[in-house]
Amino acid sequence: MLKRFRKGETPSVSVQMRDLMFGDVPLADWIKSGADGEPWTSLAAAERALWTDRVAARSHLESVLAMEGLETRQYLEAWHALRGLGVTPPEAVADQVLGVVVEVAMPEGLDVLGAYSDHSARYWNYSGAGVVWERPDGRLDGPIDALLGRGQVLCGQIGTWDQPRLTDLPADQARVSLLTPAALRFGQGPFDALAADELGGPVIAAATQLMQLLMALGSGGSNA
């Protein structure tokens, strides 16, 4: 499904809209964005058990990881909650980049792009316009894979972040966040410097290409 949001149909990028792109919000907040059935049932059960039965909470969360065909952000949320329980992902998957989120602080506001291993993507423009790509077809698979691949290369060169995710972004700066089962990794700096960086530059270039394709789809274009 392709959802288009034009200027005036949504507010400018809100904290909630941005935060839901990272797969790391508290389970109680994530569940509010969902629906009936799985994986929401198991996530809700895990959230109820977090403070009373950590073994049960872990079991519910691991059952989500075992479900096939879920949205990537569901797996990221499960891993985030499991890390809070002291669970360490297996080495084989710990540093696998499941999503890349690129934030750019424009003079008018924040632009945010997210791409995920399920080949979904979403882009929010500072104006409130945006596109949510839920993979109705494979047209964007290549550009999304390219961005994830560039992110994987970068992932091997930067350390993990064990503090709460940063939310403020100074004007004219960009931040590249790499979403893995083990932890968040990110790089941040002035946009021009990041775009010219040997490792950050390819990520910015791939993100820019994907953003342009999403914008074309959002405006009714077909050059994706």
N, C-alpha and C. Protein backbone atom coordinates (compact mmCIF):
# COMPACT_ATOMS: atom_id res chain seq x y z
N MET A 1 0.84 -1.19 0.00
CA MET A 1 0.00 0.00 0.00
C MET A 1 0.88 1.24 0.00
N LEU A 2 0.47 2.24 -0.77
CA LEU A 2 1.14 3.53 -0.80
C LEU A 2 0.19 4.57 -0.23
N LYS A 3 0.60 5.20 0.83
CA LYS A 3 -0.21 6.26 1.43
C LYS A 3 0.46 7.59 1.18
N ARG A 4 -0.30 8.54 0.64
CA ARG A 4 0.23 9.87 0.37
C ARG A 4 -0.36 10.87 1.36
N PHE A 5 0.47 11.73 1.90
CA PHE A 5 0.03 12.78 2.79
C PHE A 5 0.56 14.09 2.23
N ARG A 6 -0.34 14.96 1.85
CA ARG A 6 0.08 16.22 1.27
C ARG A 6 0.07 17.31 2.32
N LYS A 7 0.74 18.40 1.99
CA LYS A 7 0.81 19.52 2.91
C LYS A 7 -0.60 19.95 3.32
N GLY A 8 -0.80 20.13 4.60
CA GLY A 8 -2.10 20.53 5.11
C GLY A 8 -2.94 19.36 5.58
N GLU A 9 -2.61 18.14 5.15
CA GLU A 9 -3.36 16.97 5.57
C GLU A 9 -2.85 16.41 6.89
N THR A 10 -1.60 16.70 7.22
CA THR A 10 -1.03 16.28 8.49
C THR A 10 -0.26 17.45 9.07
N PRO A 11 -0.02 17.46 10.38
CA PRO A 11 0.82 18.51 10.94
C PRO A 11 2.26 18.29 10.53
N SER A 12 3.14 19.27 10.83
CA SER A 12 4.56 19.08 10.58
C SER A 12 5.03 17.86 11.38
N VAL A 13 6.20 17.36 11.03
CA VAL A 13 6.65 16.11 11.61
C VAL A 13 6.61 16.20 13.13
N SER A 14 5.80 15.37 13.74
CA SER A 14 5.65 15.40 15.19
C SER A 14 6.64 14.46 15.84
N VAL A 15 6.82 14.63 17.14
CA VAL A 15 7.70 13.74 17.88
C VAL A 15 7.22 12.30 17.74
N GLN A 16 5.93 12.08 17.82
CA GLN A 16 5.39 10.72 17.73
C GLN A 16 5.65 10.11 16.36
N MET A 17 5.41 10.87 15.29
CA MET A 17 5.64 10.37 13.95
C MET A 17 7.09 9.95 13.76
N ARG A 18 8.00 10.78 14.26
CA ARG A 18 9.42 10.46 14.13
C ARG A 18 9.79 9.27 15.00
N ASP A 19 9.36 9.27 16.24
CA ASP A 19 9.77 8.22 17.17
C ASP A 19 9.33 6.83 16.72
N LEU A 20 8.17 6.75 16.09
CA LEU A 20 7.66 5.45 15.66
C LEU A 20 8.48 4.84 14.52
N MET A 21 9.43 5.61 13.98
CA MET A 21 10.26 5.10 12.89
C MET A 21 11.44 4.28 13.38
N PHE A 22 11.74 4.34 14.69
CA PHE A 22 12.97 3.75 15.20
C PHE A 22 12.79 2.38 15.83
N GLY A 23 11.57 1.98 16.12
CA GLY A 23 11.36 0.69 16.75
C GLY A 23 11.90 0.62 18.16
N ASP A 24 11.86 1.75 18.88
CA ASP A 24 12.41 1.75 20.23
C ASP A 24 11.56 2.51 21.24
N VAL A 25 10.28 2.69 20.94
CA VAL A 25 9.42 3.37 21.89
C VAL A 25 8.99 2.37 22.97
N PRO A 26 8.56 2.85 24.14
CA PRO A 26 8.04 1.92 25.15
C PRO A 26 6.91 1.07 24.57
N LEU A 27 6.83 -0.19 24.99
CA LEU A 27 5.82 -1.08 24.44
C LEU A 27 4.42 -0.51 24.58
N ALA A 28 4.14 0.15 25.71
CA ALA A 28 2.81 0.72 25.92
C ALA A 28 2.47 1.72 24.82
N ASP A 29 3.46 2.51 24.39
CA ASP A 29 3.22 3.49 23.32
C ASP A 29 3.09 2.81 21.97
N TRP A 30 3.91 1.79 21.74
CA TRP A 30 3.86 1.07 20.46
C TRP A 30 2.52 0.38 20.28
N ILE A 31 2.03 -0.22 21.34
CA ILE A 31 0.76 -0.95 21.26
C ILE A 31 -0.38 -0.01 20.88
N LYS A 32 -0.32 1.23 21.36
CA LYS A 32 -1.37 2.20 21.05
C LYS A 32 -1.49 2.47 19.56
N SER A 33 -0.40 2.26 18.83
CA SER A 33 -0.41 2.53 17.39
C SER A 33 -0.90 1.35 16.58
N GLY A 34 -1.22 0.24 17.26
CA GLY A 34 -1.52 -0.99 16.55
C GLY A 34 -2.98 -1.33 16.44
N ALA A 35 -3.24 -2.62 16.27
CA ALA A 35 -4.60 -3.10 16.03
C ALA A 35 -4.78 -4.41 16.79
N ASP A 36 -5.81 -5.17 16.42
CA ASP A 36 -6.08 -6.46 17.06
C ASP A 36 -5.24 -7.56 16.40
N GLY A 37 -5.16 -8.70 17.06
CA GLY A 37 -4.44 -9.84 16.50
C GLY A 37 -2.96 -9.75 16.76
N GLU A 38 -2.23 -10.71 16.21
CA GLU A 38 -0.78 -10.74 16.37
C GLU A 38 -0.10 -9.79 15.39
N PRO A 39 1.03 -9.22 15.78
CA PRO A 39 1.79 -9.49 17.01
C PRO A 39 1.34 -8.64 18.21
N TRP A 40 0.28 -7.85 17.99
CA TRP A 40 -0.14 -6.92 19.04
C TRP A 40 -0.56 -7.65 20.31
N THR A 41 -1.21 -8.82 20.16
CA THR A 41 -1.64 -9.57 21.33
C THR A 41 -0.45 -9.99 22.19
N SER A 42 0.59 -10.50 21.55
CA SER A 42 1.78 -10.92 22.29
C SER A 42 2.54 -9.74 22.86
N LEU A 43 2.61 -8.66 22.12
CA LEU A 43 3.28 -7.47 22.63
C LEU A 43 2.55 -6.89 23.83
N ALA A 44 1.22 -6.90 23.78
CA ALA A 44 0.44 -6.41 24.91
C ALA A 44 0.64 -7.30 26.13
N ALA A 45 0.69 -8.62 25.91
CA ALA A 45 0.93 -9.54 27.01
C ALA A 45 2.31 -9.32 27.61
N ALA A 46 3.29 -9.07 26.76
CA ALA A 46 4.65 -8.79 27.24
C ALA A 46 4.67 -7.51 28.06
N GLU A 47 3.98 -6.50 27.59
CA GLU A 47 3.97 -5.22 28.31
C GLU A 47 3.34 -5.37 29.69
N ARG A 48 2.28 -6.17 29.78
CA ARG A 48 1.63 -6.39 31.07
C ARG A 48 2.54 -7.16 32.03
N ALA A 49 3.38 -8.01 31.47
CA ALA A 49 4.22 -8.87 32.31
C ALA A 49 5.56 -8.24 32.68
N LEU A 50 5.90 -7.12 32.07
CA LEU A 50 7.23 -6.55 32.25
C LEU A 50 7.58 -6.32 33.72
N TRP A 51 6.59 -5.90 34.51
CA TRP A 51 6.87 -5.52 35.89
C TRP A 51 6.50 -6.62 36.88
N THR A 52 5.92 -7.70 36.40
CA THR A 52 5.45 -8.74 37.33
C THR A 52 6.07 -10.11 37.05
N ASP A 53 6.38 -10.40 35.80
CA ASP A 53 6.89 -11.73 35.45
C ASP A 53 7.81 -11.57 34.24
N ARG A 54 9.08 -11.30 34.51
CA ARG A 54 10.03 -11.02 33.43
C ARG A 54 10.25 -12.24 32.55
N VAL A 55 10.13 -13.42 33.12
CA VAL A 55 10.28 -14.64 32.32
C VAL A 55 9.15 -14.73 31.29
N ALA A 56 7.93 -14.44 31.74
CA ALA A 56 6.79 -14.47 30.82
C ALA A 56 6.92 -13.37 29.76
N ALA A 57 7.37 -12.19 30.20
CA ALA A 57 7.55 -11.09 29.25
C ALA A 57 8.55 -11.48 28.16
N ARG A 58 9.65 -12.09 28.58
CA ARG A 58 10.65 -12.53 27.60
C ARG A 58 10.06 -13.55 26.64
N SER A 59 9.28 -14.49 27.16
CA SER A 59 8.68 -15.52 26.32
C SER A 59 7.75 -14.90 25.27
N HIS A 60 6.94 -13.94 25.68
CA HIS A 60 6.03 -13.29 24.73
C HIS A 60 6.82 -12.55 23.65
N LEU A 61 7.88 -11.87 24.05
CA LEU A 61 8.67 -11.10 23.08
C LEU A 61 9.41 -12.03 22.13
N GLU A 62 9.93 -13.11 22.63
CA GLU A 62 10.62 -14.06 21.75
C GLU A 62 9.64 -14.73 20.79
N SER A 63 8.38 -14.86 21.21
CA SER A 63 7.39 -15.42 20.29
C SER A 63 7.14 -14.47 19.13
N VAL A 64 7.25 -13.17 19.37
CA VAL A 64 7.11 -12.19 18.28
C VAL A 64 8.27 -12.35 17.30
N LEU A 65 9.48 -12.53 17.81
CA LEU A 65 10.63 -12.72 16.93
C LEU A 65 10.49 -13.96 16.07
N ALA A 66 9.77 -14.96 16.56
CA ALA A 66 9.60 -16.21 15.82
C ALA A 66 8.50 -16.12 14.76
N MET A 67 7.68 -15.07 14.82
CA MET A 67 6.61 -14.92 13.84
C MET A 67 7.19 -14.49 12.49
N GLU A 68 6.69 -15.06 11.43
CA GLU A 68 7.18 -14.73 10.10
C GLU A 68 6.33 -13.64 9.46
N GLY A 69 6.98 -12.84 8.62
CA GLY A 69 6.27 -11.88 7.80
C GLY A 69 5.80 -10.63 8.50
N LEU A 70 6.35 -10.33 9.67
CA LEU A 70 5.95 -9.10 10.36
C LEU A 70 6.68 -7.90 9.77
N GLU A 71 6.19 -6.74 10.10
CA GLU A 71 6.88 -5.50 9.75
C GLU A 71 8.20 -5.44 10.52
N THR A 72 9.23 -4.94 9.89
CA THR A 72 10.53 -4.87 10.53
C THR A 72 10.48 -4.14 11.86
N ARG A 73 9.71 -3.09 11.94
CA ARG A 73 9.66 -2.33 13.19
C ARG A 73 9.09 -3.17 14.34
N GLN A 74 8.27 -4.18 14.04
CA GLN A 74 7.78 -5.05 15.10
C GLN A 74 8.95 -5.84 15.72
N TYR A 75 9.82 -6.35 14.87
CA TYR A 75 10.98 -7.07 15.38
C TYR A 75 11.91 -6.15 16.17
N LEU A 76 12.09 -4.93 15.65
CA LEU A 76 12.94 -3.98 16.36
C LEU A 76 12.37 -3.64 17.74
N GLU A 77 11.05 -3.48 17.81
CA GLU A 77 10.43 -3.21 19.10
C GLU A 77 10.63 -4.37 20.06
N ALA A 78 10.48 -5.59 19.56
CA ALA A 78 10.68 -6.77 20.41
C ALA A 78 12.12 -6.84 20.91
N TRP A 79 13.08 -6.59 20.04
CA TRP A 79 14.47 -6.61 20.45
C TRP A 79 14.76 -5.51 21.46
N HIS A 80 14.19 -4.34 21.24
CA HIS A 80 14.40 -3.23 22.18
C HIS A 80 13.91 -3.60 23.57
N ALA A 81 12.73 -4.19 23.65
CA ALA A 81 12.18 -4.59 24.95
C ALA A 81 13.00 -5.72 25.56
N LEU A 82 13.47 -6.65 24.75
CA LEU A 82 14.28 -7.76 25.26
C LEU A 82 15.61 -7.25 25.82
N ARG A 83 16.20 -6.27 25.16
CA ARG A 83 17.44 -5.70 25.69
C ARG A 83 17.20 -5.09 27.07
N GLY A 84 16.02 -4.50 27.23
CA GLY A 84 15.67 -3.96 28.54
C GLY A 84 15.56 -5.03 29.60
N LEU A 85 15.34 -6.25 29.19
CA LEU A 85 15.28 -7.38 30.11
C LEU A 85 16.63 -8.07 30.27
N GLY A 86 17.64 -7.51 29.63
CA GLY A 86 18.97 -8.07 29.74
C GLY A 86 19.30 -9.14 28.75
N VAL A 87 18.48 -9.30 27.73
CA VAL A 87 18.71 -10.33 26.71
C VAL A 87 19.66 -9.79 25.64
N THR A 88 20.68 -10.55 25.33
CA THR A 88 21.64 -10.19 24.29
C THR A 88 21.32 -10.95 23.01
N PRO A 89 21.16 -10.25 21.88
CA PRO A 89 20.88 -10.96 20.62
C PRO A 89 22.02 -11.89 20.25
N PRO A 90 21.71 -12.98 19.55
CA PRO A 90 22.77 -13.88 19.07
C PRO A 90 23.74 -13.12 18.17
N GLU A 91 25.00 -13.53 18.20
CA GLU A 91 26.02 -12.84 17.43
C GLU A 91 25.69 -12.80 15.94
N ALA A 92 25.02 -13.82 15.45
CA ALA A 92 24.73 -13.91 14.01
C ALA A 92 23.81 -12.80 13.53
N VAL A 93 22.99 -12.25 14.44
CA VAL A 93 22.03 -11.23 14.02
C VAL A 93 22.22 -9.90 14.74
N ALA A 94 23.09 -9.88 15.74
CA ALA A 94 23.19 -8.72 16.62
C ALA A 94 23.42 -7.42 15.87
N ASP A 95 24.32 -7.43 14.91
CA ASP A 95 24.71 -6.20 14.22
C ASP A 95 24.12 -6.09 12.82
N GLN A 96 23.11 -6.86 12.54
CA GLN A 96 22.44 -6.78 11.24
C GLN A 96 21.61 -5.50 11.18
N VAL A 97 21.85 -4.68 10.18
CA VAL A 97 21.10 -3.43 10.04
C VAL A 97 19.72 -3.75 9.46
N LEU A 98 18.71 -3.60 10.31
CA LEU A 98 17.33 -3.87 9.90
C LEU A 98 16.63 -2.61 9.41
N GLY A 99 17.19 -1.47 9.73
CA GLY A 99 16.58 -0.22 9.30
C GLY A 99 17.59 0.91 9.36
N VAL A 100 17.37 1.90 8.51
CA VAL A 100 18.18 3.12 8.49
C VAL A 100 17.23 4.30 8.53
N VAL A 101 17.47 5.21 9.45
CA VAL A 101 16.68 6.43 9.54
C VAL A 101 17.63 7.62 9.37
N VAL A 102 17.31 8.49 8.45
CA VAL A 102 18.11 9.69 8.19
C VAL A 102 17.27 10.92 8.50
N GLU A 103 17.79 11.75 9.40
CA GLU A 103 17.12 12.99 9.77
C GLU A 103 17.97 14.17 9.29
N VAL A 104 17.32 15.15 8.72
CA VAL A 104 18.01 16.35 8.25
C VAL A 104 17.27 17.56 8.79
N ALA A 105 17.99 18.42 9.52
CA ALA A 105 17.39 19.63 10.07
C ALA A 105 17.44 20.74 9.04
N MET A 106 16.33 20.93 8.34
CA MET A 106 16.22 21.98 7.35
C MET A 106 15.94 23.31 8.05
N PRO A 107 16.17 24.44 7.38
CA PRO A 107 15.84 25.72 8.01
C PRO A 107 14.36 25.82 8.41
N GLU A 108 13.49 25.16 7.63
CA GLU A 108 12.05 25.24 7.90
C GLU A 108 11.56 24.18 8.89
N GLY A 109 12.39 23.16 9.17
CA GLY A 109 11.95 22.07 10.04
C GLY A 109 12.71 20.80 9.73
N LEU A 110 12.17 19.67 10.17
CA LEU A 110 12.88 18.40 10.10
C LEU A 110 12.36 17.53 8.96
N ASP A 111 13.28 16.99 8.16
CA ASP A 111 12.98 15.96 7.17
C ASP A 111 13.44 14.62 7.75
N VAL A 112 12.61 13.57 7.61
CA VAL A 112 12.96 12.26 8.16
C VAL A 112 12.63 11.18 7.13
N LEU A 113 13.60 10.31 6.86
CA LEU A 113 13.44 9.19 5.95
C LEU A 113 13.78 7.91 6.70
N GLY A 114 12.95 6.89 6.55
CA GLY A 114 13.24 5.58 7.14
C GLY A 114 13.07 4.49 6.11
N ALA A 115 13.99 3.52 6.10
CA ALA A 115 13.90 2.37 5.20
C ALA A 115 14.22 1.12 6.00
N TYR A 116 13.55 0.01 5.66
CA TYR A 116 13.60 -1.17 6.51
C TYR A 116 13.80 -2.44 5.68
N SER A 117 14.23 -3.50 6.37
CA SER A 117 14.57 -4.74 5.68
C SER A 117 13.37 -5.46 5.08
N ASP A 118 12.15 -5.08 5.46
CA ASP A 118 10.96 -5.64 4.83
C ASP A 118 10.59 -4.89 3.55
N HIS A 119 11.48 -3.98 3.14
CA HIS A 119 11.31 -3.15 1.94
C HIS A 119 10.17 -2.16 2.08
N SER A 120 9.84 -1.81 3.29
CA SER A 120 8.94 -0.68 3.51
C SER A 120 9.79 0.57 3.70
N ALA A 121 9.16 1.71 3.55
CA ALA A 121 9.87 2.98 3.72
C ALA A 121 8.85 4.06 4.03
N ARG A 122 9.31 5.11 4.65
CA ARG A 122 8.45 6.26 4.89
C ARG A 122 9.29 7.52 4.93
N TYR A 123 8.67 8.58 4.42
CA TYR A 123 9.36 9.86 4.36
C TYR A 123 8.41 10.94 4.83
N TRP A 124 8.88 11.73 5.80
CA TRP A 124 8.12 12.88 6.29
C TRP A 124 8.91 14.14 5.98
N ASN A 125 8.29 15.04 5.24
CA ASN A 125 8.85 16.34 4.93
C ASN A 125 8.54 17.32 6.05
N TYR A 126 9.39 18.31 6.22
CA TYR A 126 9.19 19.29 7.29
C TYR A 126 7.82 19.97 7.22
N SER A 127 7.22 20.01 6.03
CA SER A 127 5.94 20.69 5.85
C SER A 127 4.76 19.87 6.38
N GLY A 128 5.01 18.57 6.63
CA GLY A 128 3.92 17.68 7.00
C GLY A 128 3.52 16.75 5.87
N ALA A 129 3.97 17.05 4.65
CA ALA A 129 3.73 16.12 3.54
C ALA A 129 4.57 14.87 3.75
N GLY A 130 4.10 13.75 3.23
CA GLY A 130 4.86 12.53 3.42
C GLY A 130 4.34 11.39 2.58
N VAL A 131 5.13 10.31 2.55
CA VAL A 131 4.76 9.11 1.82
C VAL A 131 5.10 7.91 2.70
N VAL A 132 4.16 6.99 2.83
CA VAL A 132 4.39 5.73 3.53
C VAL A 132 4.32 4.61 2.49
N TRP A 133 5.43 3.94 2.28
CA TRP A 133 5.53 2.87 1.29
C TRP A 133 5.49 1.55 2.04
N GLU A 134 4.42 0.79 1.85
CA GLU A 134 4.26 -0.49 2.52
C GLU A 134 4.46 -1.66 1.55
N ARG A 135 5.30 -1.45 0.60
CA ARG A 135 5.68 -2.40 -0.44
C ARG A 135 4.48 -3.01 -1.18
N PRO A 136 3.74 -2.18 -1.90
CA PRO A 136 2.69 -2.73 -2.76
C PRO A 136 3.27 -3.50 -3.95
N ASP A 137 4.52 -3.24 -4.26
CA ASP A 137 5.24 -3.96 -5.32
C ASP A 137 6.73 -3.79 -5.05
N GLY A 138 7.55 -4.30 -5.95
CA GLY A 138 8.99 -4.33 -5.71
C GLY A 138 9.77 -3.18 -6.30
N ARG A 139 9.10 -2.11 -6.71
CA ARG A 139 9.80 -1.03 -7.40
C ARG A 139 10.92 -0.39 -6.57
N LEU A 140 10.75 -0.35 -5.27
CA LEU A 140 11.74 0.33 -4.43
C LEU A 140 12.67 -0.64 -3.72
N ASP A 141 12.56 -1.92 -4.02
CA ASP A 141 13.41 -2.91 -3.33
C ASP A 141 14.89 -2.59 -3.52
N GLY A 142 15.28 -2.29 -4.76
CA GLY A 142 16.69 -2.02 -5.04
C GLY A 142 17.22 -0.81 -4.29
N PRO A 143 16.55 0.35 -4.39
CA PRO A 143 17.03 1.53 -3.65
C PRO A 143 17.04 1.33 -2.14
N ILE A 144 16.05 0.59 -1.60
CA ILE A 144 16.03 0.33 -0.16
C ILE A 144 17.19 -0.57 0.21
N ASP A 145 17.43 -1.63 -0.57
CA ASP A 145 18.56 -2.51 -0.30
C ASP A 145 19.88 -1.75 -0.38
N ALA A 146 19.97 -0.81 -1.32
CA ALA A 146 21.20 -0.02 -1.45
C ALA A 146 21.45 0.80 -0.19
N LEU A 147 20.41 1.42 0.33
CA LEU A 147 20.56 2.22 1.55
C LEU A 147 20.93 1.33 2.74
N LEU A 148 20.26 0.19 2.88
CA LEU A 148 20.58 -0.72 3.98
C LEU A 148 22.01 -1.24 3.85
N GLY A 149 22.43 -1.51 2.63
CA GLY A 149 23.79 -2.00 2.42
C GLY A 149 24.83 -0.97 2.80
N ARG A 150 24.59 0.29 2.42
CA ARG A 150 25.50 1.36 2.82
C ARG A 150 25.51 1.51 4.33
N GLY A 151 24.33 1.37 4.93
CA GLY A 151 24.24 1.44 6.38
C GLY A 151 25.00 0.32 7.06
N GLN A 152 24.98 -0.87 6.46
CA GLN A 152 25.70 -2.00 7.04
C GLN A 152 27.20 -1.76 7.04
N VAL A 153 27.70 -1.17 5.98
CA VAL A 153 29.13 -0.84 5.92
C VAL A 153 29.48 0.16 7.02
N LEU A 154 28.64 1.18 7.17
CA LEU A 154 28.88 2.20 8.20
C LEU A 154 28.78 1.59 9.59
N CYS A 155 27.89 0.63 9.76
CA CYS A 155 27.66 0.01 11.06
C CYS A 155 28.94 -0.60 11.62
N GLY A 156 29.76 -1.14 10.75
CA GLY A 156 30.99 -1.78 11.20
C GLY A 156 32.06 -0.81 11.64
N GLN A 157 31.81 0.48 11.44
CA GLN A 157 32.84 1.48 11.73
C GLN A 157 32.50 2.40 12.89
N ILE A 158 31.30 2.29 13.44
CA ILE A 158 30.93 3.16 14.54
C ILE A 158 30.41 2.32 15.71
N GLY A 159 30.60 2.85 16.90
CA GLY A 159 30.22 2.12 18.09
C GLY A 159 28.74 2.19 18.40
N THR A 160 28.32 1.38 19.36
CA THR A 160 26.92 1.37 19.77
C THR A 160 26.64 2.53 20.71
N TRP A 161 25.37 2.88 20.82
CA TRP A 161 24.91 3.96 21.67
C TRP A 161 24.04 3.35 22.76
N ASP A 162 24.46 3.49 24.02
CA ASP A 162 23.74 2.86 25.12
C ASP A 162 22.97 3.85 25.98
N GLN A 163 22.79 5.06 25.47
CA GLN A 163 22.02 6.08 26.16
C GLN A 163 20.68 6.27 25.43
N PRO A 164 19.73 7.00 26.05
CA PRO A 164 18.48 7.28 25.34
C PRO A 164 18.77 7.96 24.00
N ARG A 165 18.00 7.58 23.01
CA ARG A 165 18.20 8.14 21.68
C ARG A 165 18.05 9.66 21.69
N LEU A 166 18.97 10.33 21.00
CA LEU A 166 18.91 11.78 20.91
C LEU A 166 17.72 12.20 20.06
N THR A 167 17.05 13.25 20.48
CA THR A 167 15.89 13.73 19.74
C THR A 167 16.12 15.10 19.11
N ASP A 168 16.91 15.95 19.74
CA ASP A 168 17.18 17.26 19.17
C ASP A 168 18.25 17.15 18.09
N LEU A 169 18.09 17.94 17.05
CA LEU A 169 19.06 17.97 15.97
C LEU A 169 19.30 19.43 15.59
N PRO A 170 20.53 19.94 15.79
CA PRO A 170 20.81 21.34 15.48
C PRO A 170 20.56 21.66 14.01
N ALA A 171 20.28 22.90 13.74
CA ALA A 171 20.02 23.36 12.38
C ALA A 171 21.18 23.02 11.46
N ASP A 172 20.85 22.63 10.23
CA ASP A 172 21.82 22.34 9.18
C ASP A 172 22.66 21.09 9.46
N GLN A 173 22.21 20.27 10.42
CA GLN A 173 22.91 19.02 10.67
C GLN A 173 22.06 17.85 10.21
N ALA A 174 22.71 16.71 10.08
CA ALA A 174 22.03 15.47 9.69
C ALA A 174 22.46 14.37 10.65
N ARG A 175 21.58 13.39 10.81
CA ARG A 175 21.89 12.24 11.65
C ARG A 175 21.48 10.98 10.92
N VAL A 176 22.39 10.01 10.88
CA VAL A 176 22.12 8.70 10.30
C VAL A 176 22.04 7.70 11.44
N SER A 177 20.88 7.07 11.62
CA SER A 177 20.69 6.08 12.67
C SER A 177 20.58 4.70 12.05
N LEU A 178 21.33 3.76 12.60
CA LEU A 178 21.34 2.38 12.14
C LEU A 178 20.65 1.53 13.20
N LEU A 179 19.60 0.83 12.79
CA LEU A 179 18.76 0.09 13.72
C LEU A 179 19.11 -1.39 13.64
N THR A 180 19.65 -1.92 14.73
CA THR A 180 20.06 -3.32 14.78
C THR A 180 19.44 -3.99 16.00
N PRO A 181 19.40 -5.32 16.03
CA PRO A 181 18.90 -6.00 17.22
C PRO A 181 19.69 -5.69 18.49
N ALA A 182 21.00 -5.43 18.35
CA ALA A 182 21.85 -5.25 19.52
C ALA A 182 21.79 -3.85 20.10
N ALA A 183 21.66 -2.84 19.25
CA ALA A 183 21.73 -1.46 19.76
C ALA A 183 21.53 -0.48 18.61
N LEU A 184 21.34 0.75 19.01
CA LEU A 184 21.33 1.84 18.05
C LEU A 184 22.77 2.28 17.80
N ARG A 185 23.07 2.57 16.55
CA ARG A 185 24.34 3.20 16.19
C ARG A 185 23.99 4.42 15.36
N PHE A 186 24.73 5.50 15.52
CA PHE A 186 24.42 6.67 14.70
C PHE A 186 25.65 7.53 14.47
N GLY A 187 25.57 8.30 13.39
CA GLY A 187 26.56 9.32 13.09
C GLY A 187 25.85 10.63 12.85
N GLN A 188 26.45 11.72 13.26
CA GLN A 188 25.79 13.02 13.17
C GLN A 188 26.81 14.11 12.89
N GLY A 189 26.41 15.11 12.14
CA GLY A 189 27.28 16.23 11.87
C GLY A 189 26.65 17.18 10.88
N PRO A 190 27.34 18.26 10.53
CA PRO A 190 26.82 19.16 9.49
C PRO A 190 26.52 18.38 8.22
N PHE A 191 25.40 18.70 7.57
CA PHE A 191 24.97 17.91 6.43
C PHE A 191 26.06 17.82 5.36
N ASP A 192 26.66 18.95 5.01
CA ASP A 192 27.66 18.94 3.95
C ASP A 192 28.86 18.07 4.32
N ALA A 193 29.27 18.12 5.59
CA ALA A 193 30.40 17.31 6.01
C ALA A 193 30.05 15.83 6.00
N LEU A 194 28.85 15.51 6.43
CA LEU A 194 28.43 14.10 6.44
C LEU A 194 28.30 13.58 5.02
N ALA A 195 27.78 14.42 4.12
CA ALA A 195 27.61 14.00 2.73
C ALA A 195 28.95 13.80 2.03
N ALA A 196 29.98 14.50 2.50
CA ALA A 196 31.31 14.38 1.89
C ALA A 196 32.17 13.32 2.57
N ASP A 197 31.68 12.75 3.66
CA ASP A 197 32.45 11.77 4.41
C ASP A 197 32.58 10.47 3.62
N GLU A 198 33.72 9.80 3.77
CA GLU A 198 33.97 8.57 3.02
C GLU A 198 32.94 7.50 3.30
N LEU A 199 32.49 7.39 4.55
CA LEU A 199 31.51 6.37 4.91
C LEU A 199 30.09 6.93 4.97
N GLY A 200 29.95 8.13 5.49
CA GLY A 200 28.62 8.71 5.60
C GLY A 200 28.05 9.16 4.26
N GLY A 201 28.94 9.59 3.36
CA GLY A 201 28.49 10.10 2.07
C GLY A 201 27.65 9.12 1.27
N PRO A 202 28.08 7.85 1.14
CA PRO A 202 27.26 6.89 0.40
C PRO A 202 25.89 6.66 1.02
N VAL A 203 25.80 6.74 2.34
CA VAL A 203 24.50 6.59 2.99
C VAL A 203 23.61 7.77 2.63
N ILE A 204 24.16 8.98 2.71
CA ILE A 204 23.38 10.17 2.37
C ILE A 204 22.95 10.13 0.92
N ALA A 205 23.83 9.70 0.03
CA ALA A 205 23.49 9.62 -1.39
C ALA A 205 22.37 8.61 -1.63
N ALA A 206 22.46 7.44 -1.00
CA ALA A 206 21.42 6.43 -1.18
C ALA A 206 20.11 6.89 -0.58
N ALA A 207 20.17 7.58 0.56
CA ALA A 207 18.96 8.10 1.18
C ALA A 207 18.31 9.17 0.31
N THR A 208 19.13 10.01 -0.29
CA THR A 208 18.61 11.06 -1.16
C THR A 208 17.90 10.47 -2.37
N GLN A 209 18.50 9.44 -2.96
CA GLN A 209 17.86 8.80 -4.10
C GLN A 209 16.51 8.20 -3.71
N LEU A 210 16.47 7.51 -2.58
CA LEU A 210 15.21 6.91 -2.14
C LEU A 210 14.18 7.98 -1.83
N MET A 211 14.60 9.05 -1.19
CA MET A 211 13.68 10.14 -0.89
C MET A 211 13.06 10.71 -2.16
N GLN A 212 13.88 10.91 -3.18
CA GLN A 212 13.38 11.46 -4.44
C GLN A 212 12.38 10.52 -5.09
N LEU A 213 12.64 9.23 -5.02
CA LEU A 213 11.70 8.25 -5.58
C LEU A 213 10.38 8.26 -4.80
N LEU A 214 10.46 8.35 -3.49
CA LEU A 214 9.24 8.41 -2.68
C LEU A 214 8.46 9.68 -2.97
N MET A 215 9.16 10.78 -3.13
CA MET A 215 8.48 12.05 -3.44
C MET A 215 7.78 11.96 -4.79
N ALA A 216 8.43 11.30 -5.76
CA ALA A 216 7.81 11.14 -7.08
C ALA A 216 6.54 10.31 -6.97
N LEU A 217 6.59 9.25 -6.17
CA LEU A 217 5.41 8.44 -5.97
C LEU A 217 4.32 9.22 -5.25
N GLY A 218 4.72 10.01 -4.28
CA GLY A 218 3.75 10.78 -3.52
C GLY A 218 3.07 11.84 -4.34
N SER A 219 3.75 12.32 -5.39
CA SER A 219 3.14 13.33 -6.24
C SER A 219 2.44 12.72 -7.45
N GLY A 220 2.38 11.38 -7.44
CA GLY A 220 1.68 10.70 -8.54
C GLY A 220 2.59 10.33 -9.67
N GLY A 221 3.91 10.51 -9.49
CA GLY A 221 4.85 10.16 -10.55
C GLY A 221 5.00 8.66 -10.68
N SER A 222 5.65 8.23 -11.74
CA SER A 222 5.81 6.80 -11.98
C SER A 222 7.24 6.41 -12.24
N ASN A 223 8.19 7.36 -11.97
CA ASN A 223 9.58 7.06 -12.28
C ASN A 223 10.28 6.39 -11.12
N ALA A 224 9.60 5.45 -10.46
CA ALA A 224 10.22 4.71 -9.37
C ALA A 224 10.59 3.33 -9.86
